[in-house]
PDB file of all heavy atoms in Angstrom:
ATOM      1  N   ALA A   1       1.123   6.807 -10.329  1.00  0.00           N
ATOM      2  CA  ALA A   1       2.073   5.754 -10.671  1.00  0.00           C
ATOM      3  C   ALA A   1       1.747   4.529  -9.842  1.00  0.00           C
ATOM      4  O   ALA A   1       0.870   4.536  -8.980  1.00  0.00           O
ATOM      5  CB  ALA A   1       3.501   6.229 -10.422  1.00  0.00           C
ATOM      6  N   ARG A   2       2.493   3.486 -10.102  1.00  0.00           N
ATOM      7  CA  ARG A   2       2.353   2.231  -9.386  1.00  0.00           C
ATOM      8  C   ARG A   2       3.507   2.118  -8.391  1.00  0.00           C
ATOM      9  O   ARG A   2       4.672   2.366  -8.728  1.00  0.00           O
ATOM     10  CB  ARG A   2       2.377   1.079 -10.380  1.00  0.00           C
ATOM     11  CG  ARG A   2       1.974  -0.273  -9.803  1.00  0.00           C
ATOM     12  CD  ARG A   2       0.493  -0.388  -9.650  1.00  0.00           C
ATOM     13  NE  ARG A   2       0.118  -1.750  -9.214  1.00  0.00           N
ATOM     14  CZ  ARG A   2      -0.930  -2.016  -8.489  1.00  0.00           C
ATOM     15  NH1 ARG A   2      -1.736  -1.033  -8.116  1.00  0.00           N
ATOM     16  NH2 ARG A   2      -1.227  -3.252  -8.152  1.00  0.00           N
ATOM     17  N   PHE A   3       3.183   1.738  -7.147  1.00  0.00           N
ATOM     18  CA  PHE A   3       4.164   1.643  -6.081  1.00  0.00           C
ATOM     19  C   PHE A   3       4.039   0.292  -5.392  1.00  0.00           C
ATOM     20  O   PHE A   3       3.088  -0.459  -5.634  1.00  0.00           O
ATOM     21  CB  PHE A   3       3.938   2.737  -5.030  1.00  0.00           C
ATOM     22  CG  PHE A   3       3.992   4.143  -5.554  1.00  0.00           C
ATOM     23  CD1 PHE A   3       2.843   4.769  -6.034  1.00  0.00           C
ATOM     24  CD2 PHE A   3       5.174   4.860  -5.550  1.00  0.00           C
ATOM     25  CE1 PHE A   3       2.883   6.067  -6.517  1.00  0.00           C
ATOM     26  CE2 PHE A   3       5.227   6.159  -6.021  1.00  0.00           C
ATOM     27  CZ  PHE A   3       4.074   6.760  -6.508  1.00  0.00           C
ATOM     28  N   PHE A   4       4.998   0.007  -4.494  1.00  0.00           N
ATOM     29  CA  PHE A   4       4.830  -1.111  -3.566  1.00  0.00           C
ATOM     30  C   PHE A   4       5.556  -0.812  -2.270  1.00  0.00           C
ATOM     31  O   PHE A   4       6.549  -0.081  -2.241  1.00  0.00           O
ATOM     32  CB  PHE A   4       5.300  -2.444  -4.178  1.00  0.00           C
ATOM     33  CG  PHE A   4       6.781  -2.599  -4.342  1.00  0.00           C
ATOM     34  CD1 PHE A   4       7.564  -3.215  -3.368  1.00  0.00           C
ATOM     35  CD2 PHE A   4       7.409  -2.166  -5.503  1.00  0.00           C
ATOM     36  CE1 PHE A   4       8.922  -3.367  -3.532  1.00  0.00           C
ATOM     37  CE2 PHE A   4       8.777  -2.319  -5.678  1.00  0.00           C
ATOM     38  CZ  PHE A   4       9.535  -2.925  -4.693  1.00  0.00           C
ATOM     39  N   CYS A   5       5.013  -1.358  -1.194  1.00  0.00           N
ATOM     40  CA  CYS A   5       5.617  -1.252   0.137  1.00  0.00           C
ATOM     41  C   CYS A   5       6.106  -2.627   0.567  1.00  0.00           C
ATOM     42  O   CYS A   5       5.476  -3.643   0.255  1.00  0.00           O
ATOM     43  CB  CYS A   5       4.600  -0.755   1.164  1.00  0.00           C
ATOM     44  SG  CYS A   5       4.071   0.951   0.961  1.00  0.00           S
ATOM     45  N   THR A   6       7.205  -2.672   1.279  1.00  0.00           N
ATOM     46  CA  THR A   6       7.621  -3.893   1.944  1.00  0.00           C
ATOM     47  C   THR A   6       7.109  -3.861   3.378  1.00  0.00           C
ATOM     48  O   THR A   6       6.992  -2.801   3.989  1.00  0.00           O
ATOM     49  CB  THR A   6       9.144  -4.053   1.938  1.00  0.00           C
ATOM     50  OG1 THR A   6       9.746  -2.884   2.520  1.00  0.00           O
ATOM     51  CG2 THR A   6       9.666  -4.227   0.519  1.00  0.00           C
ATOM     52  N   ALA A   7       6.784  -5.031   3.900  1.00  0.00           N
ATOM     53  CA  ALA A   7       6.221  -5.122   5.245  1.00  0.00           C
ATOM     54  C   ALA A   7       6.625  -6.450   5.859  1.00  0.00           C
ATOM     55  O   ALA A   7       6.866  -7.433   5.149  1.00  0.00           O
ATOM     56  CB  ALA A   7       4.697  -4.999   5.204  1.00  0.00           C
ATOM     57  N   GLY A   8       6.680  -6.483   7.176  1.00  0.00           N
ATOM     58  CA  GLY A   8       6.935  -7.737   7.869  1.00  0.00           C
ATOM     59  C   GLY A   8       5.789  -8.704   7.659  1.00  0.00           C
ATOM     60  O   GLY A   8       4.648  -8.300   7.400  1.00  0.00           O
ATOM     61  N   ARG A   9       6.076  -9.984   7.770  1.00  0.00           N
ATOM     62  CA  ARG A   9       5.021 -10.986   7.589  1.00  0.00           C
ATOM     63  C   ARG A   9       3.895 -10.757   8.588  1.00  0.00           C
ATOM     64  O   ARG A   9       4.125 -10.584   9.776  1.00  0.00           O
ATOM     65  CB  ARG A   9       5.592 -12.392   7.757  1.00  0.00           C
ATOM     66  CG  ARG A   9       6.541 -12.797   6.649  1.00  0.00           C
ATOM     67  CD  ARG A   9       6.917 -14.274   6.745  1.00  0.00           C
ATOM     68  NE  ARG A   9       7.523 -14.612   8.029  1.00  0.00           N
ATOM     69  CZ  ARG A   9       8.805 -14.458   8.319  1.00  0.00           C
ATOM     70  NH1 ARG A   9       9.617 -13.938   7.419  1.00  0.00           N
ATOM     71  NH2 ARG A   9       9.265 -14.805   9.500  1.00  0.00           N
ATOM     72  N   GLY A  10       2.683 -10.741   8.088  1.00  0.00           N
ATOM     73  CA  GLY A  10       1.516 -10.495   8.930  1.00  0.00           C
ATOM     74  C   GLY A  10       1.110  -9.042   9.008  1.00  0.00           C
ATOM     75  O   GLY A  10       0.008  -8.728   9.477  1.00  0.00           O
ATOM     76  N   MET A  11       1.975  -8.138   8.535  1.00  0.00           N
ATOM     77  CA  MET A  11       1.689  -6.710   8.590  1.00  0.00           C
ATOM     78  C   MET A  11       0.975  -6.205   7.336  1.00  0.00           C
ATOM     79  O   MET A  11       0.578  -5.042   7.265  1.00  0.00           O
ATOM     80  CB  MET A  11       2.986  -5.924   8.784  1.00  0.00           C
ATOM     81  CG  MET A  11       3.638  -6.111  10.135  1.00  0.00           C
ATOM     82  SD  MET A  11       2.664  -5.381  11.472  1.00  0.00           S
ATOM     83  CE  MET A  11       2.769  -3.654  11.034  1.00  0.00           C
ATOM     84  N   GLU A  12       0.795  -7.066   6.334  1.00  0.00           N
ATOM     85  CA  GLU A  12       0.217  -6.621   5.071  1.00  0.00           C
ATOM     86  C   GLU A  12      -1.192  -6.031   5.249  1.00  0.00           C
ATOM     87  O   GLU A  12      -1.531  -5.034   4.610  1.00  0.00           O
ATOM     88  CB  GLU A  12       0.162  -7.788   4.067  1.00  0.00           C
ATOM     89  CG  GLU A  12       1.514  -8.355   3.696  1.00  0.00           C
ATOM     90  CD  GLU A  12       1.962  -9.473   4.624  1.00  0.00           C
ATOM     91  OE1 GLU A  12       1.244  -9.739   5.612  1.00  0.00           O
ATOM     92  OE2 GLU A  12       3.019 -10.072   4.371  1.00  0.00           O
ATOM     93  N   ARG A  13      -2.000  -6.614   6.104  1.00  0.00           N
ATOM     94  CA  ARG A  13      -3.375  -6.131   6.290  1.00  0.00           C
ATOM     95  C   ARG A  13      -3.397  -4.711   6.870  1.00  0.00           C
ATOM     96  O   ARG A  13      -4.252  -3.903   6.527  1.00  0.00           O
ATOM     97  CB  ARG A  13      -4.172  -7.081   7.198  1.00  0.00           C
ATOM     98  CG  ARG A  13      -3.765  -7.075   8.656  1.00  0.00           C
ATOM     99  CD  ARG A  13      -4.644  -7.964   9.507  1.00  0.00           C
ATOM    100  NE  ARG A  13      -6.001  -7.469   9.575  1.00  0.00           N
ATOM    101  CZ  ARG A  13      -6.441  -6.588  10.445  1.00  0.00           C
ATOM    102  NH1 ARG A  13      -5.598  -6.049  11.325  1.00  0.00           N
ATOM    103  NH2 ARG A  13      -7.699  -6.207  10.451  1.00  0.00           N
ATOM    104  N   PHE A  14      -2.428  -4.411   7.738  1.00  0.00           N
ATOM    105  CA  PHE A  14      -2.351  -3.072   8.314  1.00  0.00           C
ATOM    106  C   PHE A  14      -1.902  -2.057   7.260  1.00  0.00           C
ATOM    107  O   PHE A  14      -2.406  -0.929   7.227  1.00  0.00           O
ATOM    108  CB  PHE A  14      -1.391  -3.068   9.498  1.00  0.00           C
ATOM    109  CG  PHE A  14      -1.818  -3.957  10.636  1.00  0.00           C
ATOM    110  CD1 PHE A  14      -1.281  -5.230  10.784  1.00  0.00           C
ATOM    111  CD2 PHE A  14      -2.768  -3.536  11.545  1.00  0.00           C
ATOM    112  CE1 PHE A  14      -1.679  -6.056  11.824  1.00  0.00           C
ATOM    113  CE2 PHE A  14      -3.179  -4.350  12.594  1.00  0.00           C
ATOM    114  CZ  PHE A  14      -2.627  -5.615  12.725  1.00  0.00           C
ATOM    115  N   VAL A  15      -0.963  -2.454   6.413  1.00  0.00           N
ATOM    116  CA  VAL A  15      -0.508  -1.565   5.341  1.00  0.00           C
ATOM    117  C   VAL A  15      -1.659  -1.286   4.374  1.00  0.00           C
ATOM    118  O   VAL A  15      -1.879  -0.136   3.965  1.00  0.00           O
ATOM    119  CB  VAL A  15       0.683  -2.192   4.585  1.00  0.00           C
ATOM    120  CG1 VAL A  15       1.079  -1.319   3.396  1.00  0.00           C
ATOM    121  CG2 VAL A  15       1.871  -2.368   5.520  1.00  0.00           C
ATOM    122  N   MET A  16      -2.414  -2.315   4.010  1.00  0.00           N
ATOM    123  CA  MET A  16      -3.532  -2.144   3.076  1.00  0.00           C
ATOM    124  C   MET A  16      -4.590  -1.208   3.651  1.00  0.00           C
ATOM    125  O   MET A  16      -5.144  -0.361   2.939  1.00  0.00           O
ATOM    126  CB  MET A  16      -4.136  -3.497   2.736  1.00  0.00           C
ATOM    127  CG  MET A  16      -3.198  -4.410   1.964  1.00  0.00           C
ATOM    128  SD  MET A  16      -3.869  -6.062   1.652  1.00  0.00           S
ATOM    129  CE  MET A  16      -5.098  -5.681   0.395  1.00  0.00           C
ATOM    130  N   ALA A  17      -4.857  -1.345   4.946  1.00  0.00           N
ATOM    131  CA  ALA A  17      -5.851  -0.475   5.578  1.00  0.00           C
ATOM    132  C   ALA A  17      -5.386   0.975   5.577  1.00  0.00           C
ATOM    133  O   ALA A  17      -6.166   1.901   5.309  1.00  0.00           O
ATOM    134  CB  ALA A  17      -6.123  -0.944   7.008  1.00  0.00           C
ATOM    135  N   GLU A  18      -4.106   1.204   5.847  1.00  0.00           N
ATOM    136  CA  GLU A  18      -3.572   2.566   5.831  1.00  0.00           C
ATOM    137  C   GLU A  18      -3.573   3.164   4.429  1.00  0.00           C
ATOM    138  O   GLU A  18      -3.875   4.348   4.250  1.00  0.00           O
ATOM    139  CB  GLU A  18      -2.145   2.568   6.374  1.00  0.00           C
ATOM    140  CG  GLU A  18      -2.047   2.594   7.884  1.00  0.00           C
ATOM    141  CD  GLU A  18      -0.666   3.043   8.315  1.00  0.00           C
ATOM    142  OE1 GLU A  18       0.211   2.180   8.422  1.00  0.00           O
ATOM    143  OE2 GLU A  18      -0.476   4.256   8.538  1.00  0.00           O
ATOM    144  N   LEU A  19      -3.221   2.367   3.433  1.00  0.00           N
ATOM    145  CA  LEU A  19      -3.205   2.865   2.069  1.00  0.00           C
ATOM    146  C   LEU A  19      -4.599   3.309   1.634  1.00  0.00           C
ATOM    147  O   LEU A  19      -4.759   4.300   0.926  1.00  0.00           O
ATOM    148  CB  LEU A  19      -2.683   1.785   1.114  1.00  0.00           C
ATOM    149  CG  LEU A  19      -1.195   1.477   1.211  1.00  0.00           C
ATOM    150  CD1 LEU A  19      -0.844   0.260   0.366  1.00  0.00           C
ATOM    151  CD2 LEU A  19      -0.356   2.672   0.777  1.00  0.00           C
ATOM    152  N   ALA A  20      -5.612   2.591   2.086  1.00  0.00           N
ATOM    153  CA  ALA A  20      -6.986   2.952   1.739  1.00  0.00           C
ATOM    154  C   ALA A  20      -7.425   4.227   2.442  1.00  0.00           C
ATOM    155  O   ALA A  20      -8.083   5.087   1.848  1.00  0.00           O
ATOM    156  CB  ALA A  20      -7.930   1.800   2.081  1.00  0.00           C
ATOM    157  N   SER A  21      -7.046   4.383   3.725  1.00  0.00           N
ATOM    158  CA  SER A  21      -7.536   5.516   4.507  1.00  0.00           C
ATOM    159  C   SER A  21      -6.685   6.766   4.350  1.00  0.00           C
ATOM    160  O   SER A  21      -7.208   7.884   4.336  1.00  0.00           O
ATOM    161  CB  SER A  21      -7.607   5.132   5.989  1.00  0.00           C
ATOM    162  OG  SER A  21      -6.309   4.800   6.480  1.00  0.00           O
ATOM    163  N   ARG A  22      -5.370   6.625   4.208  1.00  0.00           N
ATOM    164  CA  ARG A  22      -4.477   7.780   4.181  1.00  0.00           C
ATOM    165  C   ARG A  22      -4.115   8.227   2.773  1.00  0.00           C
ATOM    166  O   ARG A  22      -3.961   9.420   2.524  1.00  0.00           O
ATOM    167  CB  ARG A  22      -3.180   7.458   4.932  1.00  0.00           C
ATOM    168  CG  ARG A  22      -3.327   7.192   6.414  1.00  0.00           C
ATOM    169  CD  ARG A  22      -1.963   6.824   6.984  1.00  0.00           C
ATOM    170  NE  ARG A  22      -2.023   6.428   8.377  1.00  0.00           N
ATOM    171  CZ  ARG A  22      -1.875   7.260   9.411  1.00  0.00           C
ATOM    172  NH1 ARG A  22      -1.675   8.537   9.189  1.00  0.00           N
ATOM    173  NH2 ARG A  22      -1.930   6.817  10.650  1.00  0.00           N
ATOM    174  N   VAL A  23      -3.934   7.278   1.873  1.00  0.00           N
ATOM    175  CA  VAL A  23      -3.405   7.585   0.556  1.00  0.00           C
ATOM    176  C   VAL A  23      -4.478   7.555  -0.520  1.00  0.00           C
ATOM    177  O   VAL A  23      -4.253   8.026  -1.633  1.00  0.00           O
ATOM    178  CB  VAL A  23      -2.262   6.590   0.200  1.00  0.00           C
ATOM    179  CG1 VAL A  23      -1.584   6.945  -1.105  1.00  0.00           C
ATOM    180  CG2 VAL A  23      -1.222   6.550   1.322  1.00  0.00           C
ATOM    181  N   CYS A  24      -5.665   7.016  -0.194  1.00  0.00           N
ATOM    182  CA  CYS A  24      -6.721   6.819  -1.194  1.00  0.00           C
ATOM    183  C   CYS A  24      -6.178   6.009  -2.376  1.00  0.00           C
ATOM    184  O   CYS A  24      -6.397   6.344  -3.551  1.00  0.00           O
ATOM    185  CB  CYS A  24      -7.278   8.156  -1.674  1.00  0.00           C
ATOM    186  SG  CYS A  24      -8.036   9.144  -0.376  1.00  0.00           S
ATOM    187  N   ALA A  25      -5.434   4.964  -2.046  1.00  0.00           N
ATOM    188  CA  ALA A  25      -4.791   4.145  -3.065  1.00  0.00           C
ATOM    189  C   ALA A  25      -5.817   3.295  -3.805  1.00  0.00           C
ATOM    190  O   ALA A  25      -6.876   2.947  -3.275  1.00  0.00           O
ATOM    191  CB  ALA A  25      -3.737   3.254  -2.426  1.00  0.00           C
ATOM    192  N   ALA A  26      -5.492   2.966  -5.039  1.00  0.00           N
ATOM    193  CA  ALA A  26      -6.330   2.104  -5.867  1.00  0.00           C
ATOM    194  C   ALA A  26      -5.554   0.849  -6.233  1.00  0.00           C
ATOM    195  O   ALA A  26      -4.329   0.810  -6.110  1.00  0.00           O
ATOM    196  CB  ALA A  26      -6.767   2.849  -7.122  1.00  0.00           C
ATOM    197  N   GLU A  27      -6.268  -0.160  -6.667  1.00  0.00           N
ATOM    198  CA  GLU A  27      -5.657  -1.420  -7.109  1.00  0.00           C
ATOM    199  C   GLU A  27      -4.691  -1.962  -6.076  1.00  0.00           C
ATOM    200  O   GLU A  27      -3.564  -2.348  -6.396  1.00  0.00           O
ATOM    201  CB  GLU A  27      -4.937  -1.231  -8.449  1.00  0.00           C
ATOM    202  CG  GLU A  27      -5.835  -0.712  -9.564  1.00  0.00           C
ATOM    203  CD  GLU A  27      -5.047  -0.431 -10.835  1.00  0.00           C
ATOM    204  OE1 GLU A  27      -4.418   0.656 -10.905  1.00  0.00           O
ATOM    205  OE2 GLU A  27      -5.062  -1.288 -11.731  1.00  0.00           O
ATOM    206  N   VAL A  28      -5.155  -2.008  -4.833  1.00  0.00           N
ATOM    207  CA  VAL A  28      -4.304  -2.484  -3.732  1.00  0.00           C
ATOM    208  C   VAL A  28      -4.347  -4.008  -3.692  1.00  0.00           C
ATOM    209  O   VAL A  28      -5.426  -4.609  -3.645  1.00  0.00           O
ATOM    210  CB  VAL A  28      -4.780  -1.905  -2.388  1.00  0.00           C
ATOM    211  CG1 VAL A  28      -3.876  -2.392  -1.259  1.00  0.00           C
ATOM    212  CG2 VAL A  28      -4.804  -0.384  -2.436  1.00  0.00           C
ATOM    213  N   GLU A  29      -3.206  -4.624  -3.731  1.00  0.00           N
ATOM    214  CA  GLU A  29      -3.114  -6.079  -3.641  1.00  0.00           C
ATOM    215  C   GLU A  29      -1.837  -6.436  -2.896  1.00  0.00           C
ATOM    216  O   GLU A  29      -0.872  -5.663  -2.876  1.00  0.00           O
ATOM    217  CB  GLU A  29      -3.122  -6.717  -5.029  1.00  0.00           C
ATOM    218  CG  GLU A  29      -2.053  -6.178  -5.965  1.00  0.00           C
ATOM    219  CD  GLU A  29      -2.193  -6.726  -7.368  1.00  0.00           C
ATOM    220  OE1 GLU A  29      -3.178  -7.427  -7.632  1.00  0.00           O
ATOM    221  OE2 GLU A  29      -1.296  -6.460  -8.191  1.00  0.00           O
ATOM    222  N   SER A  30      -1.835  -7.628  -2.289  1.00  0.00           N
ATOM    223  CA  SER A  30      -0.686  -8.005  -1.470  1.00  0.00           C
ATOM    224  C   SER A  30      -0.217  -9.413  -1.777  1.00  0.00           C
ATOM    225  O   SER A  30      -0.982 -10.272  -2.222  1.00  0.00           O
ATOM    226  CB  SER A  30      -1.038  -7.899   0.021  1.00  0.00           C
ATOM    227  OG  SER A  30      -1.963  -8.903   0.393  1.00  0.00           O
ATOM    228  N   VAL A  31       1.048  -9.619  -1.545  1.00  0.00           N
ATOM    229  CA  VAL A  31       1.681 -10.933  -1.493  1.00  0.00           C
ATOM    230  C   VAL A  31       2.467 -10.948  -0.193  1.00  0.00           C
ATOM    231  O   VAL A  31       2.662  -9.894   0.418  1.00  0.00           O
ATOM    232  CB  VAL A  31       2.610 -11.157  -2.712  1.00  0.00           C
ATOM    233  CG1 VAL A  31       1.824 -11.166  -4.008  1.00  0.00           C
ATOM    234  CG2 VAL A  31       3.711 -10.090  -2.761  1.00  0.00           C
ATOM    235  N   PRO A  32       2.892 -12.103   0.286  1.00  0.00           N
ATOM    236  CA  PRO A  32       3.644 -12.116   1.547  1.00  0.00           C
ATOM    237  C   PRO A  32       4.847 -11.179   1.514  1.00  0.00           C
ATOM    238  O   PRO A  32       5.734 -11.304   0.678  1.00  0.00           O
ATOM    239  CB  PRO A  32       4.080 -13.585   1.664  1.00  0.00           C
ATOM    240  CG  PRO A  32       3.021 -14.354   0.943  1.00  0.00           C
ATOM    241  CD  PRO A  32       2.616 -13.478  -0.209  1.00  0.00           C
ATOM    242  N   GLY A  33       4.831 -10.191   2.402  1.00  0.00           N
ATOM    243  CA  GLY A  33       5.946  -9.266   2.523  1.00  0.00           C
ATOM    244  C   GLY A  33       5.861  -8.012   1.684  1.00  0.00           C
ATOM    245  O   GLY A  33       6.682  -7.113   1.849  1.00  0.00           O
ATOM    246  N   LYS A  34       4.858  -7.902   0.806  1.00  0.00           N
ATOM    247  CA  LYS A  34       4.759  -6.729  -0.070  1.00  0.00           C
ATOM    248  C   LYS A  34       3.301  -6.384  -0.336  1.00  0.00           C
ATOM    249  O   LYS A  34       2.442  -7.262  -0.413  1.00  0.00           O
ATOM    250  CB  LYS A  34       5.479  -6.978  -1.392  1.00  0.00           C
ATOM    251  CG  LYS A  34       6.994  -7.062  -1.249  1.00  0.00           C
ATOM    252  CD  LYS A  34       7.669  -7.331  -2.565  1.00  0.00           C
ATOM    253  CE  LYS A  34       9.186  -7.333  -2.389  1.00  0.00           C
ATOM    254  NZ  LYS A  34       9.642  -8.373  -1.466  1.00  0.00           N
ATOM    255  N   VAL A  35       3.060  -5.070  -0.518  1.00  0.00           N
ATOM    256  CA  VAL A  35       1.727  -4.574  -0.877  1.00  0.00           C
ATOM    257  C   VAL A  35       1.889  -3.639  -2.068  1.00  0.00           C
ATOM    258  O   VAL A  35       2.649  -2.666  -2.011  1.00  0.00           O
ATOM    259  CB  VAL A  35       1.065  -3.826   0.292  1.00  0.00           C
ATOM    260  CG1 VAL A  35      -0.303  -3.290  -0.134  1.00  0.00           C
ATOM    261  CG2 VAL A  35       0.919  -4.744   1.506  1.00  0.00           C
ATOM    262  N   PHE A  36       1.172  -3.917  -3.150  1.00  0.00           N
ATOM    263  CA  PHE A  36       1.236  -3.124  -4.370  1.00  0.00           C
ATOM    264  C   PHE A  36       0.019  -2.212  -4.443  1.00  0.00           C
ATOM    265  O   PHE A  36      -1.086  -2.594  -4.047  1.00  0.00           O
ATOM    266  CB  PHE A  36       1.277  -4.036  -5.594  1.00  0.00           C
ATOM    267  CG  PHE A  36       2.446  -4.984  -5.613  1.00  0.00           C
ATOM    268  CD1 PHE A  36       2.348  -6.245  -5.027  1.00  0.00           C
ATOM    269  CD2 PHE A  36       3.644  -4.620  -6.202  1.00  0.00           C
ATOM    270  CE1 PHE A  36       3.425  -7.122  -5.022  1.00  0.00           C
ATOM    271  CE2 PHE A  36       4.728  -5.493  -6.213  1.00  0.00           C
ATOM    272  CZ  PHE A  36       4.612  -6.740  -5.619  1.00  0.00           C
ATOM    273  N   PHE A  37       0.212  -0.994  -4.984  1.00  0.00           N
ATOM    274  CA  PHE A  37      -0.907  -0.057  -5.067  1.00  0.00           C
ATOM    275  C   PHE A  37      -0.625   1.019  -6.105  1.00  0.00           C
ATOM    276  O   PHE A  37       0.529   1.253  -6.491  1.00  0.00           O
ATOM    277  CB  PHE A  37      -1.175   0.591  -3.704  1.00  0.00           C
ATOM    278  CG  PHE A  37      -0.051   1.447  -3.189  1.00  0.00           C
ATOM    279  CD1 PHE A  37      -0.070   2.836  -3.318  1.00  0.00           C
ATOM    280  CD2 PHE A  37       1.053   0.877  -2.552  1.00  0.00           C
ATOM    281  CE1 PHE A  37       0.967   3.628  -2.836  1.00  0.00           C
ATOM    282  CE2 PHE A  37       2.094   1.660  -2.057  1.00  0.00           C
ATOM    283  CZ  PHE A  37       2.050   3.038  -2.208  1.00  0.00           C
ATOM    284  N   SER A  38      -1.680   1.674  -6.539  1.00  0.00           N
ATOM    285  CA  SER A  38      -1.574   2.834  -7.426  1.00  0.00           C
ATOM    286  C   SER A  38      -1.979   4.073  -6.648  1.00  0.00           C
ATOM    287  O   SER A  38      -2.914   4.039  -5.848  1.00  0.00           O
ATOM    288  CB  SER A  38      -2.492   2.670  -8.647  1.00  0.00           C
ATOM    289  OG  SER A  38      -2.103   1.546  -9.408  1.00  0.00           O
ATOM    290  N   ALA A  39      -1.260   5.181  -6.872  1.00  0.00           N
ATOM    291  CA  ALA A  39      -1.553   6.415  -6.142  1.00  0.00           C
ATOM    292  C   ALA A  39      -0.993   7.606  -6.903  1.00  0.00           C
ATOM    293  O   ALA A  39      -0.169   7.459  -7.811  1.00  0.00           O
ATOM    294  CB  ALA A  39      -0.961   6.365  -4.736  1.00  0.00           C
ATOM    295  N   LYS A  40      -1.456   8.783  -6.520  1.00  0.00           N
ATOM    296  CA  LYS A  40      -0.923  10.011  -7.092  1.00  0.00           C
ATOM    297  C   LYS A  40       0.516  10.227  -6.619  1.00  0.00           C
ATOM    298  O   LYS A  40       0.941   9.675  -5.611  1.00  0.00           O
ATOM    299  CB  LYS A  40      -1.787  11.209  -6.675  1.00  0.00           C
ATOM    300  CG  LYS A  40      -3.190  11.184  -7.255  1.00  0.00           C
ATOM    301  CD  LYS A  40      -3.967  12.419  -6.821  1.00  0.00           C
ATOM    302  CE  LYS A  40      -5.368  12.417  -7.421  1.00  0.00           C
ATOM    303  NZ  LYS A  40      -6.148  13.616  -7.004  1.00  0.00           N
ATOM    304  N   LEU A  41       1.225  11.048  -7.366  1.00  0.00           N
ATOM    305  CA  LEU A  41       2.620  11.332  -7.007  1.00  0.00           C
ATOM    306  C   LEU A  41       2.679  12.367  -5.888  1.00  0.00           C
ATOM    307  O   LEU A  41       3.200  13.471  -6.041  1.00  0.00           O
ATOM    308  CB  LEU A  41       3.386  11.831  -8.233  1.00  0.00           C
ATOM    309  CG  LEU A  41       3.568  10.830  -9.371  1.00  0.00           C
ATOM    310  CD1 LEU A  41       4.288  11.478 -10.535  1.00  0.00           C
ATOM    311  CD2 LEU A  41       4.307   9.597  -8.905  1.00  0.00           C
ATOM    312  N   ASP A  42       2.117  12.001  -4.748  1.00  0.00           N
ATOM    313  CA  ASP A  42       2.107  12.867  -3.567  1.00  0.00           C
ATOM    314  C   ASP A  42       2.905  12.186  -2.471  1.00  0.00           C
ATOM    315  O   ASP A  42       2.404  11.324  -1.742  1.00  0.00           O
ATOM    316  CB  ASP A  42       0.668  13.127  -3.111  1.00  0.00           C
ATOM    317  CG  ASP A  42       0.577  14.171  -2.012  1.00  0.00           C
ATOM    318  OD1 ASP A  42       1.603  14.418  -1.343  1.00  0.00           O
ATOM    319  OD2 ASP A  42      -0.506  14.736  -1.814  1.00  0.00           O
ATOM    320  N   LEU A  43       4.172  12.562  -2.347  1.00  0.00           N
ATOM    321  CA  LEU A  43       5.057  11.894  -1.410  1.00  0.00           C
ATOM    322  C   LEU A  43       4.649  12.123   0.037  1.00  0.00           C
ATOM    323  O   LEU A  43       4.833  11.249   0.886  1.00  0.00           O
ATOM    324  CB  LEU A  43       6.493  12.369  -1.637  1.00  0.00           C
ATOM    325  CG  LEU A  43       7.601  11.611  -0.903  1.00  0.00           C
ATOM    326  CD1 LEU A  43       7.530  10.127  -1.203  1.00  0.00           C
ATOM    327  CD2 LEU A  43       8.955  12.166  -1.267  1.00  0.00           C
ATOM    328  N   ASN A  44       4.067  13.291   0.338  1.00  0.00           N
ATOM    329  CA  ASN A  44       3.656  13.569   1.712  1.00  0.00           C
ATOM    330  C   ASN A  44       2.597  12.586   2.187  1.00  0.00           C
ATOM    331  O   ASN A  44       2.591  12.176   3.346  1.00  0.00           O
ATOM    332  CB  ASN A  44       3.128  15.003   1.825  1.00  0.00           C
ATOM    333  CG  ASN A  44       4.244  16.031   1.785  1.00  0.00           C
ATOM    334  OD1 ASN A  44       5.354  15.759   2.228  1.00  0.00           O
ATOM    335  ND2 ASN A  44       3.967  17.194   1.225  1.00  0.00           N
ATOM    336  N   GLN A  45       1.680  12.208   1.294  1.00  0.00           N
ATOM    337  CA  GLN A  45       0.671  11.219   1.663  1.00  0.00           C
ATOM    338  C   GLN A  45       1.287   9.852   1.866  1.00  0.00           C
ATOM    339  O   GLN A  45       0.997   9.166   2.849  1.00  0.00           O
ATOM    340  CB  GLN A  45      -0.414  11.141   0.579  1.00  0.00           C
ATOM    341  CG  GLN A  45      -1.457  12.228   0.642  1.00  0.00           C
ATOM    342  CD  GLN A  45      -2.625  11.927  -0.275  1.00  0.00           C
ATOM    343  OE1 GLN A  45      -2.527  11.137  -1.205  1.00  0.00           O
ATOM    344  NE2 GLN A  45      -3.743  12.581  -0.023  1.00  0.00           N
TER     345      GLN A  45
END
């Protein structure tokens, strides 16, 4: 499914790096305060 995370300003780059390494997320993109991504329905990840 498609998800998004909220983040403090300036924290988007850290969220994107974690999504790539921990969640194996695809289609990761950011706007100020939010990061959008696609991932499997694995809540633990």
